[in-house]
Amino acid sequence: MNNEFTYWQPTKIQFTHNWLTALIPLVKNRRVLLVTSKGFVTRGIVETITSNIPSVSYVCDNIVSHPELKDLQKAYKDAHVYKYDCIIAIGGGSVLDAAKFLSVIISNAEGKSAIDSVTRLVKDSTSVSGYATLPIIAIPTTSGTGSEVTPWATIWDSEIKKKYSLHLPTLFSEAAIYDPNLTISLPIDITRQTALDTLSHALESIWNKHATPITVQHAITAAQLIYKHLPSLLFEPTNLALREQIMLATMHAGMAFSQTQTAMAHALSYYITANKGIPHGIACSFTLPMLIDEVIGQYDFVDNALKAIFTELSSDPLREMYKSIGLLTEFSDYGLSDSEVVNLIESVNNQPRAKNSLVSL
């Protein structure tokens, strides 16, 4: 673990039970781009925001799950007809990631030129200079991705089965507003997937080459909360107290992996999602027990963290928790043959996320 480190987290965090009351004073008199999805139109949340914040200049409400590069390029063209001072993003991780793409402003570029420049940034963050980013007020409505407190955004290109990560130091949100009331209506399958994504963020920031005492403590807290409360929440999905605990876990996990990035489980997951259609939260979490088995006994700080979370130095407690929520843990359960697994493991060893990992396969 790195005992000499810098921890940079510029996002103002508000944990509340009244997201609108927290939001209004943050906007001030700034012109606003509101980024969300169609579901928040039908739920009346868009109307609530626009009626209380008259400086909303444009509503981009067509963001879908796992935003595609081509769709974000179109959204960028439509949205940037107008000028803004900040962005309000309310929705799941896909909405927050889309907002980060839309936040990038290219100096002296408009229209197709600007879109091309932002696209180059997605593919290579060193390829474009002379850009700025609009400040984002992020309001997550799922407890999973942690995008509200990280400086990157996941963007997919399904045509070539590739996942990009837009990573700029200025992509930290200006503010993140957590309100567990916004997660009450989440379906059980999305609740499970997003919480498991949080668990992966937490554990992967522990067996990580960039781990520090601060990130490890955040990760332990996050993993403890998921391990303890997720099975109960899936039986009581409208229990606000349980929703609050899972949202707290997401916040702590975000505070951890915002500094470390993810590691081997996420590196493995991208192929599984792109080629097998397995939802991200499942694809990045079902391998965690086998990764625990690989890392046990190699690093004292990792062993101590795992014991703090699971009370014993074993993958058995997590495997039992997975059984209780119906999560399978073998590659074959997700349609991968033995030869595919061998090729998958060989292919990820040089991936940036895999290189963060203290676990090798």
Protein backbone atom coordinates (compact mmCIF):
# COMPACT_ATOMS: atom_id res chain seq x y z
CA MET A 1 0.00 0.00 0.00
CA ASN A 2 1.15 3.53 -0.76
CA ASN A 3 1.94 5.28 2.53
CA GLU A 4 3.08 8.43 0.70
CA PHE A 5 0.14 9.74 -1.29
CA THR A 6 -2.06 12.59 -2.40
CA TYR A 7 -5.84 12.39 -2.08
CA TRP A 8 -7.79 14.80 -4.30
CA GLN A 9 -11.59 14.87 -4.08
CA PRO A 10 -12.95 18.32 -5.04
CA THR A 11 -16.63 17.32 -5.21
CA LYS A 12 -18.94 18.87 -2.63
CA ILE A 13 -21.05 16.04 -1.21
CA GLN A 14 -24.54 16.51 0.22
CA PHE A 15 -26.33 13.48 1.68
CA THR A 16 -29.95 14.47 2.14
CA HIS A 17 -33.59 13.44 2.09
CA ASN A 18 -34.62 16.49 0.05
CA TRP A 19 -32.60 16.66 -3.15
CA LEU A 20 -34.46 19.67 -4.57
CA THR A 21 -33.83 21.82 -1.50
CA ALA A 22 -30.15 20.96 -1.76
CA LEU A 23 -30.03 21.61 -5.51
CA ILE A 24 -31.61 25.07 -5.83
CA PRO A 25 -28.94 27.11 -3.99
CA LEU A 26 -26.14 25.29 -5.83
CA VAL A 27 -27.36 26.52 -9.22
CA LYS A 28 -27.36 30.23 -8.30
CA ASN A 29 -28.09 32.30 -11.43
CA ARG A 30 -26.27 30.06 -13.89
CA ARG A 31 -27.69 28.94 -17.23
CA VAL A 32 -28.32 25.21 -17.01
CA LEU A 33 -28.21 22.20 -19.31
CA LEU A 34 -30.36 19.48 -17.72
CA VAL A 35 -29.26 15.94 -18.63
CA THR A 36 -31.50 13.00 -17.79
CA SER A 37 -33.50 10.11 -19.27
CA LYS A 38 -37.11 9.71 -20.38
CA GLY A 39 -38.10 8.02 -17.13
CA PHE A 40 -37.57 11.23 -15.21
CA VAL A 41 -39.86 13.07 -17.58
CA THR A 42 -42.70 10.64 -16.90
CA ARG A 43 -42.01 10.72 -13.15
CA GLY A 44 -42.42 14.49 -13.17
CA ILE A 45 -38.90 15.17 -11.94
CA VAL A 46 -37.93 17.18 -15.04
CA GLU A 47 -40.97 19.41 -14.57
CA THR A 48 -40.11 19.82 -10.88
CA ILE A 49 -36.61 21.00 -11.77
CA THR A 50 -37.62 23.34 -14.59
CA SER A 51 -40.42 24.92 -12.57
CA ASN A 52 -38.11 25.61 -9.65
CA ILE A 53 -35.01 26.52 -11.67
CA PRO A 54 -36.07 28.85 -14.51
CA SER A 55 -32.51 29.18 -15.80
CA VAL A 56 -32.67 25.70 -17.40
CA SER A 57 -31.99 26.50 -21.05
CA TYR A 58 -32.26 23.03 -22.57
CA VAL A 59 -33.29 19.53 -21.46
CA CYS A 60 -31.41 16.57 -22.90
CA ASP A 61 -33.73 13.75 -21.82
CA ASN A 62 -32.89 10.97 -24.27
CA ILE A 63 -29.94 9.32 -22.49
CA VAL A 64 -30.24 5.54 -22.43
CA SER A 65 -28.40 2.83 -20.49
CA HIS A 66 -24.76 2.32 -21.53
CA PRO A 67 -24.44 5.45 -23.69
CA GLU A 68 -23.10 4.81 -27.17
CA LEU A 69 -20.54 7.14 -28.70
CA LYS A 70 -22.70 7.78 -31.77
CA ASP A 71 -25.71 8.70 -29.61
CA LEU A 72 -23.66 11.07 -27.46
CA GLN A 73 -22.29 12.75 -30.56
CA LYS A 74 -25.86 13.51 -31.68
CA ALA A 75 -26.83 14.69 -28.19
CA TYR A 76 -23.78 16.99 -28.17
CA LYS A 77 -24.81 18.51 -31.51
CA ASP A 78 -28.39 19.13 -30.33
CA ALA A 79 -27.48 20.45 -26.89
CA HIS A 80 -24.69 22.80 -27.84
CA VAL A 81 -26.90 25.02 -29.96
CA TYR A 82 -27.31 26.81 -26.63
CA LYS A 83 -24.82 28.25 -24.14
CA TYR A 84 -24.58 27.06 -20.55
CA ASP A 85 -22.75 27.82 -17.34
CA CYS A 86 -23.31 24.43 -15.70
CA ILE A 87 -24.99 21.04 -16.04
CA ILE A 88 -27.49 19.31 -13.77
CA ALA A 89 -27.35 15.55 -14.32
CA ILE A 90 -30.03 13.44 -12.63
CA GLY A 91 -30.19 9.72 -13.29
CA GLY A 92 -28.14 6.57 -13.18
CA GLY A 93 -24.49 6.20 -14.07
CA SER A 94 -25.19 6.36 -17.79
CA VAL A 95 -26.77 9.80 -17.41
CA LEU A 96 -23.87 11.04 -15.29
CA ASP A 97 -21.33 9.71 -17.80
CA ALA A 98 -23.22 11.32 -20.68
CA ALA A 99 -23.22 14.63 -18.82
CA LYS A 100 -19.44 14.47 -18.60
CA PHE A 101 -19.18 14.00 -22.37
CA LEU A 102 -21.54 16.94 -22.89
CA SER A 103 -19.59 19.06 -20.41
CA VAL A 104 -16.48 19.25 -22.58
CA ILE A 105 -16.09 22.57 -24.39
CA ILE A 106 -13.48 22.84 -27.14
CA SER A 107 -11.86 26.25 -27.53
CA ASN A 108 -12.56 27.93 -30.86
CA ALA A 109 -14.52 24.95 -32.19
CA GLU A 110 -18.20 24.56 -32.96
CA GLY A 111 -20.49 22.07 -34.64
CA LYS A 112 -18.86 19.04 -36.23
CA SER A 113 -15.38 20.31 -35.38
CA ALA A 114 -16.22 20.36 -31.67
CA ILE A 115 -17.84 16.92 -31.78
CA ASP A 116 -14.80 15.47 -33.58
CA SER A 117 -12.49 16.98 -30.97
CA VAL A 118 -14.50 15.59 -28.04
CA THR A 119 -14.56 12.19 -29.75
CA ARG A 120 -10.77 12.27 -30.06
CA LEU A 121 -10.58 13.04 -26.32
CA VAL A 122 -12.68 9.96 -25.60
CA LYS A 123 -10.34 7.77 -27.62
CA ASP A 124 -7.14 9.41 -26.37
CA SER A 125 -7.23 12.00 -23.60
CA THR A 126 -3.84 13.39 -24.66
CA SER A 127 -4.92 14.06 -28.25
CA VAL A 128 -6.65 17.41 -27.76
CA SER A 129 -5.58 20.57 -25.99
CA GLY A 130 -7.49 23.78 -25.47
CA TYR A 131 -10.59 22.33 -23.85
CA ALA A 132 -12.59 23.22 -20.75
CA THR A 133 -15.38 21.47 -18.88
CA LEU A 134 -18.65 22.84 -17.59
CA PRO A 135 -19.25 22.27 -13.86
CA ILE A 136 -21.66 19.41 -13.14
CA ILE A 137 -24.13 19.01 -10.29
CA ALA A 138 -24.66 15.25 -10.19
CA ILE A 139 -27.73 13.64 -8.62
CA PRO A 140 -27.42 9.84 -8.79
CA THR A 141 -30.63 7.83 -8.78
CA THR A 142 -28.97 4.43 -8.53
CA SER A 143 -26.52 3.15 -5.94
CA GLY A 144 -23.80 1.79 -8.14
CA THR A 145 -21.46 3.50 -10.55
CA GLY A 146 -20.00 6.23 -8.32
CA SER A 147 -19.64 8.45 -11.40
CA GLU A 148 -20.76 11.45 -9.36
CA VAL A 149 -17.42 11.48 -7.49
CA THR A 150 -14.99 10.21 -10.15
CA PRO A 151 -13.13 12.02 -12.96
CA TRP A 152 -14.05 9.65 -15.79
CA ALA A 153 -16.97 8.46 -17.88
CA THR A 154 -17.62 5.08 -19.52
CA ILE A 155 -18.67 5.27 -23.17
CA TRP A 156 -19.41 2.28 -25.39
CA ASP A 157 -19.06 1.64 -29.11
CA SER A 158 -21.03 -1.56 -29.71
CA GLU A 159 -20.22 -1.62 -33.42
CA ILE A 160 -16.60 -2.48 -32.63
CA LYS A 161 -17.39 -3.96 -29.17
CA LYS A 162 -15.14 -1.49 -27.40
CA LYS A 163 -15.42 0.39 -24.13
CA TYR A 164 -13.83 3.83 -23.84
CA SER A 165 -13.08 5.77 -20.69
CA LEU A 166 -13.14 9.54 -20.98
CA HIS A 167 -10.71 10.55 -18.24
CA LEU A 168 -9.96 14.20 -17.60
CA PRO A 169 -8.82 15.74 -14.31
CA THR A 170 -11.57 18.36 -14.53
CA LEU A 171 -14.40 15.81 -14.82
CA PHE A 172 -14.97 15.62 -11.08
CA SER A 173 -18.47 16.94 -10.41
CA GLU A 174 -18.72 20.29 -8.71
CA ALA A 175 -21.31 18.77 -6.35
CA ALA A 176 -22.96 15.40 -5.75
CA ILE A 177 -26.39 15.23 -4.13
CA TYR A 178 -27.30 11.85 -2.63
CA ASP A 179 -30.95 11.25 -1.77
CA PRO A 180 -31.93 7.61 -1.15
CA ASN A 181 -35.59 8.50 -1.80
CA LEU A 182 -34.71 8.66 -5.50
CA THR A 183 -33.76 4.95 -5.47
CA ILE A 184 -36.94 3.60 -3.85
CA SER A 185 -38.62 2.79 -7.18
CA LEU A 186 -35.60 0.98 -8.67
CA PRO A 187 -36.46 -2.55 -9.90
CA ILE A 188 -34.87 -5.36 -7.91
CA ASP A 189 -32.62 -6.51 -10.77
CA ILE A 190 -31.18 -3.00 -11.23
CA THR A 191 -30.81 -2.64 -7.48
CA ARG A 192 -28.81 -5.87 -7.38
CA GLN A 193 -26.66 -5.08 -10.41
CA THR A 194 -25.72 -1.57 -9.30
CA ALA A 195 -24.98 -2.62 -5.71
CA LEU A 196 -22.70 -5.39 -6.98
CA ASP A 197 -20.91 -2.83 -9.13
CA THR A 198 -20.33 -0.87 -5.92
CA LEU A 199 -18.94 -3.98 -4.23
CA SER A 200 -16.54 -4.50 -7.12
CA HIS A 201 -15.39 -0.88 -6.95
CA ALA A 202 -14.70 -1.31 -3.23
CA LEU A 203 -12.82 -4.62 -3.34
CA GLU A 204 -10.85 -3.71 -6.46
CA SER A 205 -9.63 -0.52 -4.84
CA ILE A 206 -8.18 -2.66 -2.02
CA TRP A 207 -6.09 -5.14 -4.04
CA ASN A 208 -4.83 -2.23 -6.08
CA LYS A 209 -1.35 -0.86 -6.75
CA HIS A 210 -2.67 2.65 -6.05
CA ALA A 211 -4.31 1.84 -2.72
CA THR A 212 -3.69 4.23 0.18
CA PRO A 213 -4.80 4.21 3.83
CA ILE A 214 -7.66 6.59 2.93
CA THR A 215 -8.94 4.59 -0.05
CA VAL A 216 -8.72 1.29 1.82
CA GLN A 217 -10.79 2.63 4.70
CA HIS A 218 -13.46 3.96 2.35
CA ALA A 219 -13.46 0.61 0.53
CA ILE A 220 -13.83 -1.42 3.72
CA THR A 221 -16.81 0.68 4.79
CA ALA A 222 -18.46 0.33 1.37
CA ALA A 223 -17.97 -3.43 1.18
CA GLN A 224 -19.21 -3.95 4.75
CA LEU A 225 -22.41 -2.06 3.97
CA ILE A 226 -23.10 -4.05 0.78
CA TYR A 227 -22.27 -7.39 2.40
CA LYS A 228 -24.50 -6.66 5.38
CA HIS A 229 -27.48 -4.95 3.78
CA LEU A 230 -27.89 -5.99 0.13
CA PRO A 231 -29.63 -9.35 0.79
CA SER A 232 -32.10 -7.65 3.13
CA LEU A 233 -32.78 -4.85 0.65
CA LEU A 234 -33.61 -7.31 -2.12
CA PHE A 235 -36.33 -8.74 0.15
CA GLU A 236 -37.49 -5.26 1.22
CA PRO A 237 -36.87 -3.02 -1.80
CA THR A 238 -38.96 -0.13 -0.47
CA ASN A 239 -37.15 -0.01 2.87
CA LEU A 240 -35.71 3.52 2.93
CA ALA A 241 -33.27 2.81 5.76
CA LEU A 242 -31.73 -0.02 3.72
CA ARG A 243 -31.68 2.12 0.58
CA GLU A 244 -29.77 4.72 2.57
CA GLN A 245 -27.12 2.20 3.62
CA ILE A 246 -26.55 1.02 0.05
CA MET A 247 -26.31 4.63 -1.18
CA LEU A 248 -23.75 5.35 1.54
CA ALA A 249 -21.81 2.32 0.29
CA THR A 250 -21.79 3.75 -3.23
CA MET A 251 -20.48 7.06 -1.94
CA HIS A 252 -17.67 5.41 0.03
CA ALA A 253 -16.73 3.13 -2.87
CA GLY A 254 -16.62 6.14 -5.18
CA MET A 255 -14.34 7.94 -2.75
CA ALA A 256 -12.04 4.92 -2.91
CA PHE A 257 -11.84 4.04 -6.60
CA SER A 258 -11.91 7.68 -7.72
CA GLN A 259 -8.25 7.60 -6.68
CA THR A 260 -7.23 4.03 -7.55
CA GLN A 261 -9.37 3.17 -10.61
CA THR A 262 -10.72 -0.35 -10.95
CA ALA A 263 -8.65 -3.49 -11.51
CA MET A 264 -8.85 -7.10 -12.72
CA ALA A 265 -12.57 -7.81 -12.26
CA HIS A 266 -13.50 -4.81 -14.40
CA ALA A 267 -10.84 -5.68 -16.97
CA LEU A 268 -12.45 -9.12 -17.33
CA SER A 269 -15.97 -7.71 -17.40
CA TYR A 270 -15.72 -5.61 -20.55
CA TYR A 271 -15.38 -8.60 -22.88
CA ILE A 272 -18.15 -10.45 -21.02
CA THR A 273 -20.56 -7.53 -21.34
CA ALA A 274 -19.67 -6.72 -24.95
CA ASN A 275 -19.69 -10.31 -26.24
CA LYS A 276 -22.09 -12.15 -23.94
CA GLY A 277 -24.54 -9.37 -23.11
CA ILE A 278 -24.11 -9.80 -19.36
CA PRO A 279 -25.09 -6.61 -17.45
CA HIS A 280 -22.07 -4.69 -16.23
CA GLY A 281 -22.80 -5.03 -12.51
CA ILE A 282 -22.97 -8.82 -12.82
CA ALA A 283 -20.02 -9.11 -15.21
CA CYS A 284 -17.69 -7.16 -12.92
CA SER A 285 -18.70 -8.88 -9.68
CA PHE A 286 -19.17 -12.61 -10.21
CA THR A 287 -15.37 -13.09 -10.41
CA LEU A 288 -14.72 -11.42 -7.03
CA PRO A 289 -14.70 -14.65 -4.98
CA MET A 290 -12.12 -16.28 -7.26
CA LEU A 291 -10.01 -13.10 -7.11
CA ILE A 292 -10.18 -13.20 -3.31
CA ASP A 293 -8.86 -16.77 -3.46
CA GLU A 294 -5.97 -15.59 -5.65
CA VAL A 295 -4.92 -12.64 -3.46
CA ILE A 296 -5.22 -14.16 0.04
CA GLY A 297 -1.87 -14.42 1.80
CA GLN A 298 0.02 -12.12 -0.55
CA TYR A 299 -0.36 -8.71 1.14
CA ASP A 300 -0.96 -8.07 4.83
CA PHE A 301 -3.04 -4.94 4.26
CA VAL A 302 -5.31 -6.79 1.82
CA ASP A 303 -5.74 -9.71 4.23
CA ASN A 304 -6.55 -7.31 7.07
CA ALA A 305 -9.12 -5.49 4.93
CA LEU A 306 -10.80 -8.71 3.86
CA LYS A 307 -11.02 -9.91 7.46
CA ALA A 308 -12.54 -6.57 8.47
CA ILE A 309 -15.23 -6.99 5.80
CA PHE A 310 -16.02 -10.70 5.98
CA THR A 311 -14.75 -11.56 9.52
CA GLU A 312 -12.62 -14.37 8.10
CA LEU A 313 -9.87 -14.68 5.50
CA SER A 314 -11.81 -16.65 2.94
CA SER A 315 -14.05 -16.20 -0.08
CA ASP A 316 -16.68 -18.41 1.58
CA PRO A 317 -18.69 -15.58 3.20
CA LEU A 318 -19.00 -13.75 -0.12
CA ARG A 319 -19.92 -16.98 -1.93
CA GLU A 320 -22.67 -17.57 0.64
CA MET A 321 -23.96 -14.04 0.24
CA TYR A 322 -23.97 -14.51 -3.54
CA LYS A 323 -26.02 -17.71 -3.16
CA SER A 324 -28.56 -15.82 -1.06
CA ILE A 325 -29.11 -13.27 -3.85
CA GLY A 326 -28.95 -15.75 -6.74
CA LEU A 327 -25.60 -14.76 -8.22
CA LEU A 328 -23.61 -17.51 -9.98
CA THR A 329 -19.82 -17.44 -9.83
CA GLU A 330 -18.38 -19.58 -12.66
CA PHE A 331 -17.39 -18.43 -16.14
CA SER A 332 -19.43 -21.28 -17.63
CA ASP A 333 -22.54 -19.86 -15.93
CA TYR A 334 -22.23 -16.88 -18.27
CA GLY A 335 -21.68 -18.80 -21.49
CA LEU A 336 -17.89 -18.77 -21.62
CA SER A 337 -16.20 -21.98 -22.76
CA ASP A 338 -12.85 -23.10 -21.32
CA SER A 339 -11.02 -21.89 -24.42
CA GLU A 340 -12.76 -18.51 -24.23
CA VAL A 341 -11.71 -18.14 -20.61
CA VAL A 342 -8.09 -18.86 -21.48
CA ASN A 343 -8.17 -16.30 -24.29
CA LEU A 344 -9.96 -13.79 -22.07
CA ILE A 345 -7.39 -14.04 -19.28
CA GLU A 346 -4.52 -13.73 -21.76
CA SER A 347 -6.14 -10.72 -23.42
CA VAL A 348 -6.66 -8.68 -20.25
CA ASN A 349 -3.20 -8.93 -18.74
CA ASN A 350 -2.02 -5.83 -20.60
CA GLN A 351 -5.20 -3.81 -20.12
CA PRO A 352 -4.76 -0.63 -18.05
CA ARG A 353 -7.35 -1.76 -15.48
CA ALA A 354 -5.65 -5.14 -15.09
CA LYS A 355 -2.32 -3.42 -14.59
CA ASN A 356 -3.77 -1.67 -11.51
CA SER A 357 -4.37 -5.06 -9.90
CA LEU A 358 -2.30 -6.79 -7.24
CA VAL A 359 -4.05 -9.98 -8.38
CA SER A 360 -2.61 -11.75 -11.41
CA LEU A 361 -4.32 -14.61 -13.25
